[in-house]
């Protein structure tokens, strides 16, 4: 499995884990909606800049959410996805 797909599976499993706090799930859903909803801070029609704000904001949201996930949840999901690497 490619590294990208493994990472995507990792985030998916964290999102749907029963021990992941509800506010972390809310943060991740807001991040996903920001990417999917066509309203942006910078329009995507502006070449490069419109995509950069999406990348920056979504990266920030994922990083924030991952800092709030309990360590035991992250370790369990990491072992499941990456096989104890």
C-alpha atoms as a PDB file:
ATOM      1  CA  UNK A   1       0.000   0.000   0.000  1.00  0.00           C
ATOM      2  CA  UNK A   2       1.362   3.448  -0.832  1.00  0.00           C
ATOM      3  CA  UNK A   3       2.470   5.791   1.910  1.00  0.00           C
ATOM      4  CA  UNK A   4      -0.293   8.271   1.039  1.00  0.00           C
ATOM      5  CA  UNK A   5      -3.009   5.617   1.313  1.00  0.00           C
ATOM      6  CA  UNK A   6      -1.563   4.374   4.601  1.00  0.00           C
ATOM      7  CA  UNK A   7      -1.645   7.927   5.993  1.00  0.00           C
ATOM      8  CA  UNK A   8      -5.217   8.392   4.797  1.00  0.00           C
ATOM      9  CA  UNK A   9      -6.227   5.117   6.444  1.00  0.00           C
ATOM     10  CA  UNK A  10      -4.414   6.235   9.636  1.00  0.00           C
ATOM     11  CA  UNK A  11      -6.423   9.479   9.827  1.00  0.00           C
ATOM     12  CA  UNK A  12      -9.648   7.662   8.972  1.00  0.00           C
ATOM     13  CA  UNK A  13      -9.159   5.126  11.774  1.00  0.00           C
ATOM     14  CA  UNK A  14      -8.323   7.868  14.264  1.00  0.00           C
ATOM     15  CA  UNK A  15     -11.448   9.762  13.242  1.00  0.00           C
ATOM     16  CA  UNK A  16     -13.706   6.748  13.806  1.00  0.00           C
ATOM     17  CA  UNK A  17     -11.991   5.316  16.885  1.00  0.00           C
ATOM     18  CA  UNK A  18     -14.333   5.177  19.899  1.00  0.00           C
ATOM     19  CA  UNK A  19     -11.667   6.635  22.219  1.00  0.00           C
ATOM     20  CA  UNK A  20     -10.971   9.679  20.059  1.00  0.00           C
ATOM     21  CA  UNK A  21     -12.558  12.690  21.810  1.00  0.00           C
ATOM     22  CA  UNK A  22     -15.590  14.254  20.117  1.00  0.00           C
ATOM     23  CA  UNK A  23     -13.895  17.665  19.786  1.00  0.00           C
ATOM     24  CA  UNK A  24     -11.021  16.105  17.808  1.00  0.00           C
ATOM     25  CA  UNK A  25     -13.544  14.504  15.474  1.00  0.00           C
ATOM     26  CA  UNK A  26     -15.251  17.880  15.088  1.00  0.00           C
ATOM     27  CA  UNK A  27     -11.948  19.581  14.227  1.00  0.00           C
ATOM     28  CA  UNK A  28     -11.180  16.940  11.579  1.00  0.00           C
ATOM     29  CA  UNK A  29     -14.660  17.203  10.046  1.00  0.00           C
ATOM     30  CA  UNK A  30     -14.343  21.009   9.894  1.00  0.00           C
ATOM     31  CA  UNK A  31     -10.997  20.577   8.121  1.00  0.00           C
ATOM     32  CA  UNK A  32     -12.520  18.207   5.612  1.00  0.00           C
ATOM     33  CA  UNK A  33     -15.446  20.537   4.998  1.00  0.00           C
ATOM     34  CA  UNK A  34     -13.062  23.453   4.453  1.00  0.00           C
ATOM     35  CA  UNK A  35     -11.413  21.531   1.633  1.00  0.00           C
ATOM     36  CA  UNK A  36     -14.693  20.364   0.082  1.00  0.00           C
ATOM     37  CA  UNK A  37     -16.805  23.539   0.364  1.00  0.00           C
ATOM     38  CA  UNK A  38     -16.106  26.022  -2.451  1.00  0.00           C
ATOM     39  CA  UNK A  39     -15.909  29.073  -0.102  1.00  0.00           C
ATOM     40  CA  UNK A  40     -12.258  30.023   0.501  1.00  0.00           C
ATOM     41  CA  UNK A  41     -10.137  32.802   1.923  1.00  0.00           C
ATOM     42  CA  UNK A  42      -8.396  32.978  -1.438  1.00  0.00           C
ATOM     43  CA  UNK A  43     -10.264  31.907  -4.533  1.00  0.00           C
ATOM     44  CA  UNK A  44      -9.029  28.687  -6.151  1.00  0.00           C
ATOM     45  CA  UNK A  45      -9.180  30.462  -9.507  1.00  0.00           C
ATOM     46  CA  UNK A  46      -6.009  32.365  -8.561  1.00  0.00           C
ATOM     47  CA  UNK A  47      -3.296  30.015  -9.781  1.00  0.00           C
ATOM     48  CA  UNK A  48      -1.267  28.451  -6.967  1.00  0.00           C
ATOM     49  CA  UNK A  49      -2.341  30.877  -4.197  1.00  0.00           C
ATOM     50  CA  UNK A  50      -5.861  29.506  -4.004  1.00  0.00           C
ATOM     51  CA  UNK A  51      -4.525  26.001  -3.462  1.00  0.00           C
ATOM     52  CA  UNK A  52      -1.806  27.062  -1.047  1.00  0.00           C
ATOM     53  CA  UNK A  53      -4.281  28.461   1.471  1.00  0.00           C
ATOM     54  CA  UNK A  54      -6.237  25.188   1.335  1.00  0.00           C
ATOM     55  CA  UNK A  55      -3.038  23.225   1.928  1.00  0.00           C
ATOM     56  CA  UNK A  56      -1.862  25.472   4.766  1.00  0.00           C
ATOM     57  CA  UNK A  57      -5.167  25.571   6.613  1.00  0.00           C
ATOM     58  CA  UNK A  58      -5.914  21.872   6.218  1.00  0.00           C
ATOM     59  CA  UNK A  59      -2.368  20.981   7.355  1.00  0.00           C
ATOM     60  CA  UNK A  60      -2.775  23.183  10.416  1.00  0.00           C
ATOM     61  CA  UNK A  61      -6.143  21.609  11.265  1.00  0.00           C
ATOM     62  CA  UNK A  62      -4.808  18.036  10.955  1.00  0.00           C
ATOM     63  CA  UNK A  63      -1.728  18.885  13.048  1.00  0.00           C
ATOM     64  CA  UNK A  64      -3.915  20.478  15.737  1.00  0.00           C
ATOM     65  CA  UNK A  65      -6.281  17.509  15.835  1.00  0.00           C
ATOM     66  CA  UNK A  66      -3.440  14.984  16.040  1.00  0.00           C
ATOM     67  CA  UNK A  67      -1.938  16.814  19.028  1.00  0.00           C
ATOM     68  CA  UNK A  68      -5.255  16.347  20.845  1.00  0.00           C
ATOM     69  CA  UNK A  69      -5.645  12.610  20.157  1.00  0.00           C
ATOM     70  CA  UNK A  70      -4.719  10.443  23.165  1.00  0.00           C
ATOM     71  CA  UNK A  71      -1.331   8.725  22.763  1.00  0.00           C
ATOM     72  CA  UNK A  72      -2.777   5.216  23.272  1.00  0.00           C
ATOM     73  CA  UNK A  73      -5.215   5.735  20.380  1.00  0.00           C
ATOM     74  CA  UNK A  74      -2.426   6.943  18.084  1.00  0.00           C
ATOM     75  CA  UNK A  75      -0.160   4.033  19.057  1.00  0.00           C
ATOM     76  CA  UNK A  76      -2.887   1.412  18.539  1.00  0.00           C
ATOM     77  CA  UNK A  77      -3.924   2.812  15.152  1.00  0.00           C
ATOM     78  CA  UNK A  78      -0.281   3.223  14.069  1.00  0.00           C
ATOM     79  CA  UNK A  79       0.423  -0.454  14.826  1.00  0.00           C
ATOM     80  CA  UNK A  80      -2.697  -1.462  12.924  1.00  0.00           C
ATOM     81  CA  UNK A  81      -1.881   0.596   9.821  1.00  0.00           C
ATOM     82  CA  UNK A  82       1.915   0.558   9.672  1.00  0.00           C
ATOM     83  CA  UNK A  83       2.527  -2.815  11.308  1.00  0.00           C
ATOM     84  CA  UNK A  84       4.677  -1.645  14.217  1.00  0.00           C
ATOM     85  CA  UNK A  85       7.224   0.288  12.166  1.00  0.00           C
END
